[in-house]
């Protein structure tokens, strides 16, 4: 009865720990704290069972096996949630084609013209996209330009760009209220 309890408790706490670590890396402090609370409660239950029954060696094996499986499950859970953003850098050898097609499909693309020598004009594309959308973006890039080269990297924080409505500072508003200009 204790073997499955210890095994599944360990799978649960290590899965949560793995997921929590990745969430911390992506900057979600509150979510990481929330997950950590449940992670440690489950760990205490599993560890207590093993430590109070040290004469039963197979409980330690269940504990260790639960740890191993928990790592795999935790990574799988995080992949399923696909939290965060990624930066895709793409070099297209078909200048002025790929960026427009990606924009037509709803992706925000920043593009730069370049060359790899006079005979090889290229277009450099930068795309920040939600992780869950990256596989479909990569598939689209491969369909539209089979010669394109790309790399994908994690982005911790994304600034969405300037607000299009002008803002006035508190100081500016106060000064203008009294009819004075700086």
C-alpha atoms as a PDB file:
ATOM      1  CA  UNK A   1       0.000   0.000   0.000  1.00  0.00           C
ATOM      2  CA  UNK A   2       2.842   2.433   0.757  1.00  0.00           C
ATOM      3  CA  UNK A   3       4.747   1.746  -2.459  1.00  0.00           C
ATOM      4  CA  UNK A   4       2.149   3.250  -4.839  1.00  0.00           C
ATOM      5  CA  UNK A   5       1.478   6.125  -2.416  1.00  0.00           C
ATOM      6  CA  UNK A   6       5.176   7.033  -2.242  1.00  0.00           C
ATOM      7  CA  UNK A   7       5.693   6.559  -5.981  1.00  0.00           C
ATOM      8  CA  UNK A   8       2.735   8.723  -7.044  1.00  0.00           C
ATOM      9  CA  UNK A   9       3.385  11.332  -4.370  1.00  0.00           C
ATOM     10  CA  UNK A  10       6.959  11.626  -5.614  1.00  0.00           C
ATOM     11  CA  UNK A  11       5.839  11.824  -9.258  1.00  0.00           C
ATOM     12  CA  UNK A  12       3.447  14.621  -8.261  1.00  0.00           C
ATOM     13  CA  UNK A  13       5.911  16.651  -6.192  1.00  0.00           C
ATOM     14  CA  UNK A  14       8.784  16.378  -8.677  1.00  0.00           C
ATOM     15  CA  UNK A  15       6.452  17.214 -11.581  1.00  0.00           C
ATOM     16  CA  UNK A  16       5.305  20.290  -9.710  1.00  0.00           C
ATOM     17  CA  UNK A  17       8.910  21.159  -8.868  1.00  0.00           C
ATOM     18  CA  UNK A  18      10.022  20.850 -12.472  1.00  0.00           C
ATOM     19  CA  UNK A  19       7.092  22.942 -13.662  1.00  0.00           C
ATOM     20  CA  UNK A  20       7.741  25.495 -10.877  1.00  0.00           C
ATOM     21  CA  UNK A  21      11.404  25.842 -11.864  1.00  0.00           C
ATOM     22  CA  UNK A  22      10.500  26.562 -15.479  1.00  0.00           C
ATOM     23  CA  UNK A  23       7.794  29.015 -14.391  1.00  0.00           C
ATOM     24  CA  UNK A  24      10.355  30.827 -12.204  1.00  0.00           C
ATOM     25  CA  UNK A  25      12.677  31.127 -15.179  1.00  0.00           C
ATOM     26  CA  UNK A  26       9.882  32.735 -17.172  1.00  0.00           C
ATOM     27  CA  UNK A  27       9.253  35.281 -14.394  1.00  0.00           C
ATOM     28  CA  UNK A  28       5.898  34.138 -12.952  1.00  0.00           C
ATOM     29  CA  UNK A  29       6.631  34.671  -9.247  1.00  0.00           C
ATOM     30  CA  UNK A  30       3.125  34.256  -7.849  1.00  0.00           C
ATOM     31  CA  UNK A  31       2.381  31.104  -9.823  1.00  0.00           C
ATOM     32  CA  UNK A  32       5.732  29.621  -8.765  1.00  0.00           C
ATOM     33  CA  UNK A  33       4.976  30.341  -5.096  1.00  0.00           C
ATOM     34  CA  UNK A  34       1.527  28.780  -5.378  1.00  0.00           C
ATOM     35  CA  UNK A  35       2.916  25.624  -6.999  1.00  0.00           C
ATOM     36  CA  UNK A  36       5.746  25.439  -4.444  1.00  0.00           C
ATOM     37  CA  UNK A  37       3.262  25.336  -1.553  1.00  0.00           C
ATOM     38  CA  UNK A  38       1.628  22.155  -2.829  1.00  0.00           C
ATOM     39  CA  UNK A  39       4.921  20.679  -3.968  1.00  0.00           C
ATOM     40  CA  UNK A  40       6.413  20.778  -0.466  1.00  0.00           C
ATOM     41  CA  UNK A  41       3.324  19.363   1.254  1.00  0.00           C
ATOM     42  CA  UNK A  42       3.356  16.351  -1.063  1.00  0.00           C
ATOM     43  CA  UNK A  43       7.117  15.940  -0.603  1.00  0.00           C
ATOM     44  CA  UNK A  44       6.759  15.937   3.193  1.00  0.00           C
ATOM     45  CA  UNK A  45       4.203  13.121   3.045  1.00  0.00           C
ATOM     46  CA  UNK A  46       6.347  10.974   0.743  1.00  0.00           C
ATOM     47  CA  UNK A  47       9.632  11.606   2.563  1.00  0.00           C
ATOM     48  CA  UNK A  48       8.051  10.958   5.963  1.00  0.00           C
ATOM     49  CA  UNK A  49       6.806   7.547   4.837  1.00  0.00           C
ATOM     50  CA  UNK A  50      10.246   6.512   3.611  1.00  0.00           C
ATOM     51  CA  UNK A  51      12.103   7.872   6.628  1.00  0.00           C
ATOM     52  CA  UNK A  52       9.779   6.241   9.174  1.00  0.00           C
ATOM     53  CA  UNK A  53      10.104   2.892   7.392  1.00  0.00           C
ATOM     54  CA  UNK A  54      13.841   2.697   6.647  1.00  0.00           C
ATOM     55  CA  UNK A  55      13.794  -1.067   7.198  1.00  0.00           C
ATOM     56  CA  UNK A  56      11.698  -1.444   4.012  1.00  0.00           C
ATOM     57  CA  UNK A  57      14.281  -0.820   1.260  1.00  0.00           C
ATOM     58  CA  UNK A  58      11.720  -1.073  -1.559  1.00  0.00           C
ATOM     59  CA  UNK A  59      10.100   2.166  -0.352  1.00  0.00           C
ATOM     60  CA  UNK A  60      13.361   3.976  -1.151  1.00  0.00           C
ATOM     61  CA  UNK A  61      13.235   2.445  -4.651  1.00  0.00           C
ATOM     62  CA  UNK A  62       9.645   3.657  -5.105  1.00  0.00           C
ATOM     63  CA  UNK A  63      10.777   7.102  -3.918  1.00  0.00           C
ATOM     64  CA  UNK A  64      13.695   7.185  -6.381  1.00  0.00           C
ATOM     65  CA  UNK A  65      11.639   5.825  -9.269  1.00  0.00           C
ATOM     66  CA  UNK A  66       8.929   8.406  -8.553  1.00  0.00           C
ATOM     67  CA  UNK A  67      11.609  11.099  -8.735  1.00  0.00           C
ATOM     68  CA  UNK A  68      12.795   9.889 -12.151  1.00  0.00           C
ATOM     69  CA  UNK A  69       9.295   9.640 -13.598  1.00  0.00           C
ATOM     70  CA  UNK A  70       8.345  12.988 -12.046  1.00  0.00           C
ATOM     71  CA  UNK A  71      11.052  14.795 -14.011  1.00  0.00           C
ATOM     72  CA  UNK A  72       9.701  13.415 -17.277  1.00  0.00           C
ATOM     73  CA  UNK A  73       6.094  14.206 -16.348  1.00  0.00           C
ATOM     74  CA  UNK A  74       6.996  17.735 -15.210  1.00  0.00           C
ATOM     75  CA  UNK A  75       8.710  18.563 -18.479  1.00  0.00           C
ATOM     76  CA  UNK A  76       5.759  17.113 -20.390  1.00  0.00           C
ATOM     77  CA  UNK A  77       3.319  19.253 -18.398  1.00  0.00           C
ATOM     78  CA  UNK A  78       5.317  22.417 -19.039  1.00  0.00           C
ATOM     79  CA  UNK A  79       5.533  21.631 -22.749  1.00  0.00           C
ATOM     80  CA  UNK A  80       1.770  21.169 -22.828  1.00  0.00           C
ATOM     81  CA  UNK A  81       1.139  24.540 -21.160  1.00  0.00           C
ATOM     82  CA  UNK A  82       3.795  26.272 -23.325  1.00  0.00           C
ATOM     83  CA  UNK A  83       4.011  29.318 -21.078  1.00  0.00           C
ATOM     84  CA  UNK A  84       5.922  32.352 -22.286  1.00  0.00           C
ATOM     85  CA  UNK A  85       7.264  33.851 -25.473  1.00  0.00           C
ATOM     86  CA  UNK A  86      10.021  32.951 -27.908  1.00  0.00           C
ATOM     87  CA  UNK A  87      12.084  34.924 -30.378  1.00  0.00           C
ATOM     88  CA  UNK A  88      12.380  33.450 -33.850  1.00  0.00           C
ATOM     89  CA  UNK A  89      15.240  34.758 -35.988  1.00  0.00           C
ATOM     90  CA  UNK A  90      14.864  33.781 -39.601  1.00  0.00           C
ATOM     91  CA  UNK A  91      17.035  34.385 -42.644  1.00  0.00           C
ATOM     92  CA  UNK A  92      15.144  34.148 -45.911  1.00  0.00           C
ATOM     93  CA  UNK A  93      16.996  33.902 -49.206  1.00  0.00           C
ATOM     94  CA  UNK A  94      13.823  34.968 -51.051  1.00  0.00           C
ATOM     95  CA  UNK A  95      13.832  38.647 -50.124  1.00  0.00           C
ATOM     96  CA  UNK A  96      10.490  40.445 -49.750  1.00  0.00           C
ATOM     97  CA  UNK A  97       8.355  37.288 -49.853  1.00  0.00           C
ATOM     98  CA  UNK A  98       8.387  35.531 -46.486  1.00  0.00           C
ATOM     99  CA  UNK A  99       7.778  38.530 -44.202  1.00  0.00           C
ATOM    100  CA  UNK A 100       4.680  39.629 -46.113  1.00  0.00           C
ATOM    101  CA  UNK A 101       3.243  36.111 -46.185  1.00  0.00           C
ATOM    102  CA  UNK A 102       3.790  35.699 -42.430  1.00  0.00           C
ATOM    103  CA  UNK A 103       2.114  39.053 -41.793  1.00  0.00           C
ATOM    104  CA  UNK A 104      -0.849  37.926 -43.937  1.00  0.00           C
ATOM    105  CA  UNK A 105      -1.133  34.952 -41.547  1.00  0.00           C
ATOM    106  CA  UNK A 106      -1.322  37.218 -38.495  1.00  0.00           C
ATOM    107  CA  UNK A 107       2.277  37.167 -37.261  1.00  0.00           C
ATOM    108  CA  UNK A 108       4.029  40.386 -36.250  1.00  0.00           C
ATOM    109  CA  UNK A 109       7.275  40.460 -38.201  1.00  0.00           C
ATOM    110  CA  UNK A 110      10.166  42.902 -38.167  1.00  0.00           C
ATOM    111  CA  UNK A 111      12.255  42.534 -41.315  1.00  0.00           C
ATOM    112  CA  UNK A 112      15.600  43.861 -42.489  1.00  0.00           C
ATOM    113  CA  UNK A 113      17.161  43.635 -45.935  1.00  0.00           C
ATOM    114  CA  UNK A 114      20.680  42.332 -46.064  1.00  0.00           C
ATOM    115  CA  UNK A 115      23.099  40.409 -48.175  1.00  0.00           C
ATOM    116  CA  UNK A 116      25.622  37.637 -47.880  1.00  0.00           C
ATOM    117  CA  UNK A 117      27.783  39.068 -50.581  1.00  0.00           C
ATOM    118  CA  UNK A 118      26.550  40.827 -53.697  1.00  0.00           C
ATOM    119  CA  UNK A 119      25.070  37.700 -55.254  1.00  0.00           C
ATOM    120  CA  UNK A 120      23.083  36.622 -52.188  1.00  0.00           C
ATOM    121  CA  UNK A 121      20.433  39.117 -51.022  1.00  0.00           C
ATOM    122  CA  UNK A 122      18.670  38.023 -47.823  1.00  0.00           C
ATOM    123  CA  UNK A 123      15.933  39.199 -45.511  1.00  0.00           C
ATOM    124  CA  UNK A 124      16.357  38.921 -41.750  1.00  0.00           C
ATOM    125  CA  UNK A 125      13.100  38.413 -39.882  1.00  0.00           C
ATOM    126  CA  UNK A 126      12.544  38.844 -36.146  1.00  0.00           C
ATOM    127  CA  UNK A 127       9.330  37.471 -34.677  1.00  0.00           C
ATOM    128  CA  UNK A 128       8.306  37.353 -31.011  1.00  0.00           C
ATOM    129  CA  UNK A 129       5.546  34.797 -30.583  1.00  0.00           C
ATOM    130  CA  UNK A 130       3.760  32.858 -27.844  1.00  0.00           C
ATOM    131  CA  UNK A 131       5.402  29.458 -27.329  1.00  0.00           C
ATOM    132  CA  UNK A 132       2.182  27.631 -28.104  1.00  0.00           C
ATOM    133  CA  UNK A 133       2.123  29.251 -31.581  1.00  0.00           C
ATOM    134  CA  UNK A 134       5.766  28.589 -32.486  1.00  0.00           C
ATOM    135  CA  UNK A 135       5.258  25.097 -33.990  1.00  0.00           C
ATOM    136  CA  UNK A 136       2.658  26.415 -36.452  1.00  0.00           C
ATOM    137  CA  UNK A 137       4.906  29.389 -37.275  1.00  0.00           C
ATOM    138  CA  UNK A 138       7.864  27.100 -37.998  1.00  0.00           C
ATOM    139  CA  UNK A 139       5.663  24.876 -40.162  1.00  0.00           C
ATOM    140  CA  UNK A 140       4.511  27.939 -42.109  1.00  0.00           C
ATOM    141  CA  UNK A 141       8.080  29.201 -42.563  1.00  0.00           C
ATOM    142  CA  UNK A 142       9.121  25.782 -43.932  1.00  0.00           C
ATOM    143  CA  UNK A 143       6.134  25.720 -46.317  1.00  0.00           C
ATOM    144  CA  UNK A 144       6.684  29.244 -47.617  1.00  0.00           C
ATOM    145  CA  UNK A 145      10.477  29.179 -47.925  1.00  0.00           C
ATOM    146  CA  UNK A 146      12.186  25.793 -47.896  1.00  0.00           C
ATOM    147  CA  UNK A 147      15.612  27.480 -47.930  1.00  0.00           C
ATOM    148  CA  UNK A 148      14.962  29.670 -44.859  1.00  0.00           C
ATOM    149  CA  UNK A 149      17.245  29.278 -41.862  1.00  0.00           C
ATOM    150  CA  UNK A 150      15.869  29.992 -38.390  1.00  0.00           C
ATOM    151  CA  UNK A 151      16.649  29.801 -34.705  1.00  0.00           C
ATOM    152  CA  UNK A 152      14.348  29.911 -31.706  1.00  0.00           C
ATOM    153  CA  UNK A 153      15.245  31.216 -28.252  1.00  0.00           C
ATOM    154  CA  UNK A 154      13.379  31.882 -25.021  1.00  0.00           C
ATOM    155  CA  UNK A 155      12.349  35.399 -24.129  1.00  0.00           C
ATOM    156  CA  UNK A 156      11.879  36.215 -20.456  1.00  0.00           C
ATOM    157  CA  UNK A 157      10.064  39.533 -20.821  1.00  0.00           C
ATOM    158  CA  UNK A 158       8.389  41.150 -23.793  1.00  0.00           C
ATOM    159  CA  UNK A 159       7.645  44.841 -24.124  1.00  0.00           C
ATOM    160  CA  UNK A 160       4.713  45.160 -26.511  1.00  0.00           C
ATOM    161  CA  UNK A 161       5.858  48.496 -27.890  1.00  0.00           C
ATOM    162  CA  UNK A 162       4.894  52.097 -27.352  1.00  0.00           C
ATOM    163  CA  UNK A 163       1.359  53.086 -26.574  1.00  0.00           C
ATOM    164  CA  UNK A 164      -0.077  54.962 -29.558  1.00  0.00           C
ATOM    165  CA  UNK A 165      -1.905  57.505 -27.402  1.00  0.00           C
ATOM    166  CA  UNK A 166       0.312  60.333 -26.163  1.00  0.00           C
ATOM    167  CA  UNK A 167       0.613  60.642 -22.409  1.00  0.00           C
ATOM    168  CA  UNK A 168       1.290  63.727 -20.427  1.00  0.00           C
ATOM    169  CA  UNK A 169       3.356  63.638 -17.309  1.00  0.00           C
ATOM    170  CA  UNK A 170       1.895  64.701 -13.979  1.00  0.00           C
ATOM    171  CA  UNK A 171       4.361  67.597 -13.893  1.00  0.00           C
ATOM    172  CA  UNK A 172       3.293  68.773 -17.362  1.00  0.00           C
ATOM    173  CA  UNK A 173      -0.398  68.638 -16.406  1.00  0.00           C
ATOM    174  CA  UNK A 174       0.194  70.564 -13.185  1.00  0.00           C
ATOM    175  CA  UNK A 175       2.254  73.276 -14.889  1.00  0.00           C
ATOM    176  CA  UNK A 176      -0.273  73.691 -17.701  1.00  0.00           C
ATOM    177  CA  UNK A 177      -3.074  73.967 -15.140  1.00  0.00           C
ATOM    178  CA  UNK A 178      -1.503  77.129 -13.719  1.00  0.00           C
ATOM    179  CA  UNK A 179      -0.951  78.589 -17.185  1.00  0.00           C
ATOM    180  CA  UNK A 180       2.812  78.383 -17.088  1.00  0.00           C
ATOM    181  CA  UNK A 181       5.098  76.707 -19.570  1.00  0.00           C
ATOM    182  CA  UNK A 182       8.486  75.220 -18.802  1.00  0.00           C
END
